[in-house]
Amino acid sequence: MRRMPVAFLIVAASSAAAPAVHAQNGAVSQRSTSAGVYTADQATRGRDVYAMQCKSCHTPASHTGAIFAAWWDRKPLSDLFQFIVTRMPKNEPGSLQADEYLDVMAYLLKLNELPTGNDPLPPDTVVMKKIRIEVGKRGP
């Protein structure tokens, strides 16, 4: 996998943006994490990055349940990504590769029992902005 610098990831605009879901009345609604927006492989790689880069300061429990929900429920996935990229690792924010940040974010979603999907989370903050975090909802 080719690694992209984080700066590219933050400003990238994808030509394959997530399709909008249209309600019966024609209104456009956002995708959510309950639809499986990352792959199991991403979460597995994220677990490994987390063990090497994050575990010395954080426990997985500090990113789950009510704590995670209070910070992130109903917010765009791009907000979580921006938080991680701009603040982590604590001593060297922004020092990981873009794919490592994506994988860690997938691991955090997995820790919160959000379902996996068939397609990897794309390295595109425009797409992430269209995906709402929904803690406690399972499946489409």
Protein backbone atom coordinates (compact mmCIF):
# COMPACT_ATOMS: atom_id res chain seq x y z
CA MET A 1 0.00 0.00 0.00
CA ARG A 2 1.40 3.39 -0.97
CA ARG A 3 1.58 5.74 1.98
CA MET A 4 0.29 9.26 1.56
CA PRO A 5 1.36 12.15 3.73
CA VAL A 6 -1.30 13.31 6.16
CA ALA A 7 -1.45 16.78 4.61
CA PHE A 8 -2.55 15.26 1.30
CA LEU A 9 -5.21 13.20 3.00
CA ILE A 10 -6.72 16.17 4.80
CA VAL A 11 -7.17 18.24 1.66
CA ALA A 12 -7.89 15.44 -0.81
CA ALA A 13 -11.16 15.47 -2.68
CA SER A 14 -12.28 12.12 -4.00
CA SER A 15 -13.86 11.60 -7.39
CA ALA A 16 -15.52 8.53 -5.89
CA ALA A 17 -17.32 10.30 -3.08
CA ALA A 18 -19.78 8.31 -1.01
CA PRO A 19 -23.17 8.18 -2.67
CA ALA A 20 -25.93 10.06 -0.92
CA VAL A 21 -28.89 8.09 0.28
CA HIS A 22 -32.24 9.54 -0.74
CA ALA A 23 -35.21 9.23 1.56
CA GLN A 24 -38.69 8.69 0.13
CA ASN A 25 -39.42 12.42 0.21
CA GLY A 26 -36.31 13.11 -1.88
CA ALA A 27 -34.26 14.49 1.02
CA VAL A 28 -30.61 13.53 1.12
CA SER A 29 -29.35 11.79 4.24
CA GLN A 30 -25.80 10.98 5.27
CA ARG A 31 -24.23 7.57 5.49
CA SER A 32 -23.44 6.40 8.97
CA THR A 33 -20.94 4.12 10.63
CA SER A 34 -23.76 1.61 11.15
CA ALA A 35 -23.43 0.81 7.42
CA GLY A 36 -19.92 -0.67 7.75
CA VAL A 37 -17.55 2.02 6.51
CA TYR A 38 -14.21 0.28 7.19
CA THR A 39 -12.81 -3.21 6.68
CA ALA A 40 -11.73 -5.84 9.19
CA ASP A 41 -8.21 -5.62 7.69
CA GLN A 42 -8.06 -1.89 8.44
CA ALA A 43 -9.11 -2.51 12.04
CA THR A 44 -6.51 -5.27 12.44
CA ARG A 45 -3.74 -3.03 11.12
CA GLY A 46 -5.08 -0.25 13.36
CA ARG A 47 -4.86 -2.52 16.40
CA ASP A 48 -1.18 -3.06 15.62
CA VAL A 49 -0.49 0.67 15.14
CA TYR A 50 -2.41 1.40 18.34
CA ALA A 51 -0.28 -1.12 20.25
CA MET A 52 2.92 0.53 18.99
CA GLN A 53 1.96 4.21 19.02
CA CYS A 54 -0.99 4.77 21.38
CA LYS A 55 -1.03 2.16 24.11
CA SER A 56 1.67 3.81 26.20
CA CYS A 57 -0.72 6.73 26.91
CA HIS A 58 -4.19 5.23 26.28
CA THR A 59 -6.10 2.06 27.04
CA PRO A 60 -8.66 0.80 24.54
CA ALA A 61 -11.32 1.29 27.24
CA SER A 62 -10.65 5.05 27.17
CA HIS A 63 -12.03 5.12 23.60
CA THR A 64 -15.20 3.08 24.03
CA GLY A 65 -18.72 3.13 25.36
CA ALA A 66 -20.10 6.24 27.02
CA ILE A 67 -16.77 8.09 26.77
CA PHE A 68 -16.59 7.61 23.00
CA ALA A 69 -20.29 8.35 22.56
CA ALA A 70 -20.12 11.58 24.57
CA TRP A 71 -17.36 12.89 22.30
CA TRP A 72 -18.29 11.52 18.89
CA ASP A 73 -21.87 10.26 18.57
CA ARG A 74 -23.76 12.02 15.73
CA LYS A 75 -20.64 13.89 14.56
CA PRO A 76 -19.03 13.47 11.14
CA LEU A 77 -16.26 10.89 10.93
CA SER A 78 -14.00 13.66 9.62
CA ASP A 79 -14.14 15.31 13.07
CA LEU A 80 -12.72 12.20 14.72
CA PHE A 81 -10.07 11.89 12.02
CA GLN A 82 -9.02 15.54 12.37
CA PHE A 83 -8.81 15.15 16.15
CA ILE A 84 -6.56 12.11 15.88
CA VAL A 85 -4.31 13.59 13.18
CA THR A 86 -3.85 16.97 14.85
CA ARG A 87 -3.41 15.71 18.43
CA MET A 88 -1.89 12.23 18.29
CA PRO A 89 0.57 10.86 19.12
CA LYS A 90 0.63 13.31 22.01
CA ASN A 91 4.37 14.02 21.77
CA GLU A 92 4.43 14.13 17.94
CA PRO A 93 1.01 15.05 16.50
CA GLY A 94 0.73 14.33 12.78
CA SER A 95 3.79 12.10 12.73
CA LEU A 96 2.07 8.92 11.53
CA GLN A 97 1.36 8.14 7.89
CA ALA A 98 -2.14 8.83 6.59
CA ASP A 99 -2.96 5.13 6.22
CA GLU A 100 -1.86 4.53 9.82
CA TYR A 101 -4.29 7.20 11.05
CA LEU A 102 -7.08 5.62 8.97
CA ASP A 103 -6.30 2.21 10.39
CA VAL A 104 -6.29 3.49 13.98
CA MET A 105 -9.64 5.16 13.37
CA ALA A 106 -11.01 1.86 11.99
CA TYR A 107 -9.74 0.14 15.13
CA LEU A 108 -11.56 2.69 17.31
CA LEU A 109 -14.77 2.00 15.37
CA LYS A 110 -14.22 -1.74 15.87
CA LEU A 111 -13.64 -1.23 19.61
CA ASN A 112 -17.05 0.45 19.72
CA GLU A 113 -18.62 -2.57 18.01
CA LEU A 114 -19.49 -0.68 14.84
CA PRO A 115 -19.78 -3.10 11.92
CA THR A 116 -17.16 -3.72 9.29
CA GLY A 117 -17.93 -3.46 5.60
CA ASN A 118 -16.54 -4.66 2.29
CA ASP A 119 -14.87 -1.41 1.28
CA PRO A 120 -12.01 0.25 3.13
CA LEU A 121 -12.46 3.66 4.66
CA PRO A 122 -11.09 5.97 1.95
CA PRO A 123 -8.28 8.44 2.57
CA ASP A 124 -10.55 11.39 1.86
CA THR A 125 -11.86 13.86 4.42
CA VAL A 126 -14.57 15.05 2.01
CA VAL A 127 -16.03 11.54 2.05
CA MET A 128 -15.52 11.24 5.83
CA LYS A 129 -17.48 14.45 6.34
CA LYS A 130 -20.50 12.70 4.77
CA ILE A 131 -20.34 9.77 7.22
CA ARG A 132 -22.01 10.28 10.60
CA ILE A 133 -20.78 8.39 13.66
CA GLU A 134 -23.64 6.45 15.22
CA VAL A 135 -22.69 4.75 18.45
CA GLY A 136 -24.95 1.94 19.58
CA LYS A 137 -26.53 1.25 16.17
CA ARG A 138 -25.73 -2.03 14.47
CA GLY A 139 -26.23 -2.87 10.82
CA PRO A 140 -27.80 -0.81 7.99
